[in-house]
C-alpha atoms as a PDB file:
ATOM      1  CA  MET A   1     -44.801  -4.950   7.079  1.00  0.00           C
ATOM      2  CA  ILE A   2     -42.384  -4.061   4.536  1.00  0.00           C
ATOM      3  CA  PRO A   3     -38.758  -4.640   5.372  1.00  0.00           C
ATOM      4  CA  LEU A   4     -36.353  -1.312   5.160  1.00  0.00           C
ATOM      5  CA  PRO A   5     -33.133  -2.146   2.993  1.00  0.00           C
ATOM      6  CA  PRO A   6     -29.966  -2.249   5.500  1.00  0.00           C
ATOM      7  CA  PHE A   7     -28.596   0.324   3.066  1.00  0.00           C
ATOM      8  CA  ARG A   8     -29.509   3.662   1.204  1.00  0.00           C
ATOM      9  CA  LEU A   9     -27.811   4.784  -1.879  1.00  0.00           C
ATOM     10  CA  VAL A  10     -26.936   8.440  -2.334  1.00  0.00           C
ATOM     11  CA  THR A  11     -27.599   9.449  -6.059  1.00  0.00           C
ATOM     12  CA  ALA A  12     -26.006  12.081  -8.191  1.00  0.00           C
ATOM     13  CA  PRO A  13     -28.595  15.177  -8.625  1.00  0.00           C
ATOM     14  CA  SER A  14     -27.016  16.158 -12.002  1.00  0.00           C
ATOM     15  CA  ASP A  15     -24.503  15.698 -14.209  1.00  0.00           C
ATOM     16  CA  ALA A  16     -21.360  16.364 -12.731  1.00  0.00           C
ATOM     17  CA  ARG A  17     -17.746  15.772 -11.696  1.00  0.00           C
ATOM     18  CA  VAL A  18     -16.774  14.662  -8.313  1.00  0.00           C
ATOM     19  CA  SER A  19     -14.663  16.966  -6.690  1.00  0.00           C
ATOM     20  CA  SER A  20     -14.539  14.785  -3.339  1.00  0.00           C
ATOM     21  CA  VAL A  21     -16.432  11.876  -1.706  1.00  0.00           C
ATOM     22  CA  ALA A  22     -16.702  11.178   2.185  1.00  0.00           C
ATOM     23  CA  LEU A  23     -14.472   8.291   3.338  1.00  0.00           C
ATOM     24  CA  ALA A  24     -15.958   4.541   4.121  1.00  0.00           C
ATOM     25  CA  GLY A  25     -16.799   4.315   7.789  1.00  0.00           C
ATOM     26  CA  ALA A  26     -17.634   7.648   8.147  1.00  0.00           C
ATOM     27  CA  ILE A  27     -20.593   8.490  10.689  1.00  0.00           C
ATOM     28  CA  VAL A  28     -23.438  10.602   8.894  1.00  0.00           C
ATOM     29  CA  ALA A  29     -26.586  12.392   9.792  1.00  0.00           C
ATOM     30  CA  PRO A  30     -29.473  13.806   7.622  1.00  0.00           C
ATOM     31  CA  GLY A  31     -28.151  16.812   5.981  1.00  0.00           C
ATOM     32  CA  ASP A  32     -24.367  16.174   6.200  1.00  0.00           C
ATOM     33  CA  VAL A  33     -22.105  16.380   2.947  1.00  0.00           C
ATOM     34  CA  VAL A  34     -21.028  13.108   1.891  1.00  0.00           C
ATOM     35  CA  ALA A  35     -19.806  14.269  -1.634  1.00  0.00           C
ATOM     36  CA  VAL A  36     -18.995  17.502  -3.583  1.00  0.00           C
ATOM     37  CA  LEU A  37     -19.762  17.898  -7.201  1.00  0.00           C
ATOM     38  CA  ASP A  38     -18.689  20.452  -9.850  1.00  0.00           C
ATOM     39  CA  ALA A  39     -21.415  20.931 -11.968  1.00  0.00           C
ATOM     40  CA  PRO A  40     -21.769  23.285 -14.889  1.00  0.00           C
ATOM     41  CA  ARG A  41     -24.078  26.045 -12.497  1.00  0.00           C
ATOM     42  CA  GLY A  42     -21.251  25.397  -9.910  1.00  0.00           C
ATOM     43  CA  VAL A  43     -20.243  23.745  -6.791  1.00  0.00           C
ATOM     44  CA  MET A  44     -23.199  21.139  -5.391  1.00  0.00           C
ATOM     45  CA  PRO A  45     -22.943  19.262  -2.278  1.00  0.00           C
ATOM     46  CA  VAL A  46     -24.492  15.894  -2.088  1.00  0.00           C
ATOM     47  CA  LEU A  47     -26.321  15.371   1.509  1.00  0.00           C
ATOM     48  CA  ALA A  48     -27.032  12.299   3.600  1.00  0.00           C
ATOM     49  CA  THR A  49     -30.549  11.519   3.492  1.00  0.00           C
ATOM     50  CA  VAL A  50     -30.457   9.185   6.452  1.00  0.00           C
ATOM     51  CA  HIS A  51     -28.252   8.182   9.870  1.00  0.00           C
ATOM     52  CA  GLY A  52     -25.778   5.839   9.220  1.00  0.00           C
ATOM     53  CA  ARG A  53     -22.227   4.620   8.374  1.00  0.00           C
ATOM     54  CA  VAL A  54     -21.019   5.445   4.790  1.00  0.00           C
ATOM     55  CA  GLY A  55     -20.401   1.825   3.717  1.00  0.00           C
ATOM     56  CA  GLY A  56     -18.274   2.474   0.449  1.00  0.00           C
ATOM     57  CA  SER A  57     -18.371   4.932  -2.632  1.00  0.00           C
ATOM     58  CA  LEU A  58     -19.127   4.040  -6.016  1.00  0.00           C
ATOM     59  CA  THR A  59     -17.265   6.758  -7.342  1.00  0.00           C
ATOM     60  CA  ALA A  60     -13.612   8.719  -7.235  1.00  0.00           C
ATOM     61  CA  ALA A  61     -12.657  12.367  -7.141  1.00  0.00           C
ATOM     62  CA  GLN A  62     -12.248  13.937 -10.658  1.00  0.00           C
ATOM     63  CA  GLN A  63     -14.848  10.992 -12.171  1.00  0.00           C
ATOM     64  CA  SER A  64     -17.613  12.074 -14.319  1.00  0.00           C
ATOM     65  CA  VAL A  65     -21.286  11.082 -13.029  1.00  0.00           C
ATOM     66  CA  SER A  66     -24.551  11.607 -14.821  1.00  0.00           C
ATOM     67  CA  VAL A  67     -27.855  12.106 -13.064  1.00  0.00           C
ATOM     68  CA  GLY A  68     -28.900   9.079 -10.873  1.00  0.00           C
ATOM     69  CA  ASP A  69     -25.388   7.584 -10.525  1.00  0.00           C
ATOM     70  CA  GLY A  70     -24.925   6.235  -7.368  1.00  0.00           C
ATOM     71  CA  ILE A  71     -21.978   8.326  -5.303  1.00  0.00           C
ATOM     72  CA  VAL A  72     -22.133   6.146  -1.775  1.00  0.00           C
ATOM     73  CA  TRP A  73     -24.070   3.954   0.126  1.00  0.00           C
ATOM     74  CA  ILE A  74     -24.914   4.518   3.817  1.00  0.00           C
ATOM     75  CA  GLU A  75     -25.353   1.396   5.925  1.00  0.00           C
ATOM     76  CA  ARG A  76     -28.174   1.955   8.681  1.00  0.00           C
END
């Protein structure tokens, strides 16, 4: 049996500027918005993929991110 990691990293789907990020401690479910990015093609919500609690943020508002950069981690 392969153990699951105790957290899930949510990453940026494209190059963008962070507009907002969920607060640490927020309870989320799959499909909940954990961040909003301002991308060249418009506003892009970043969604949680698992149930859990936002453990913390790896970015701040108005910070630029690239594809694959960590945005938040979700503790399970």
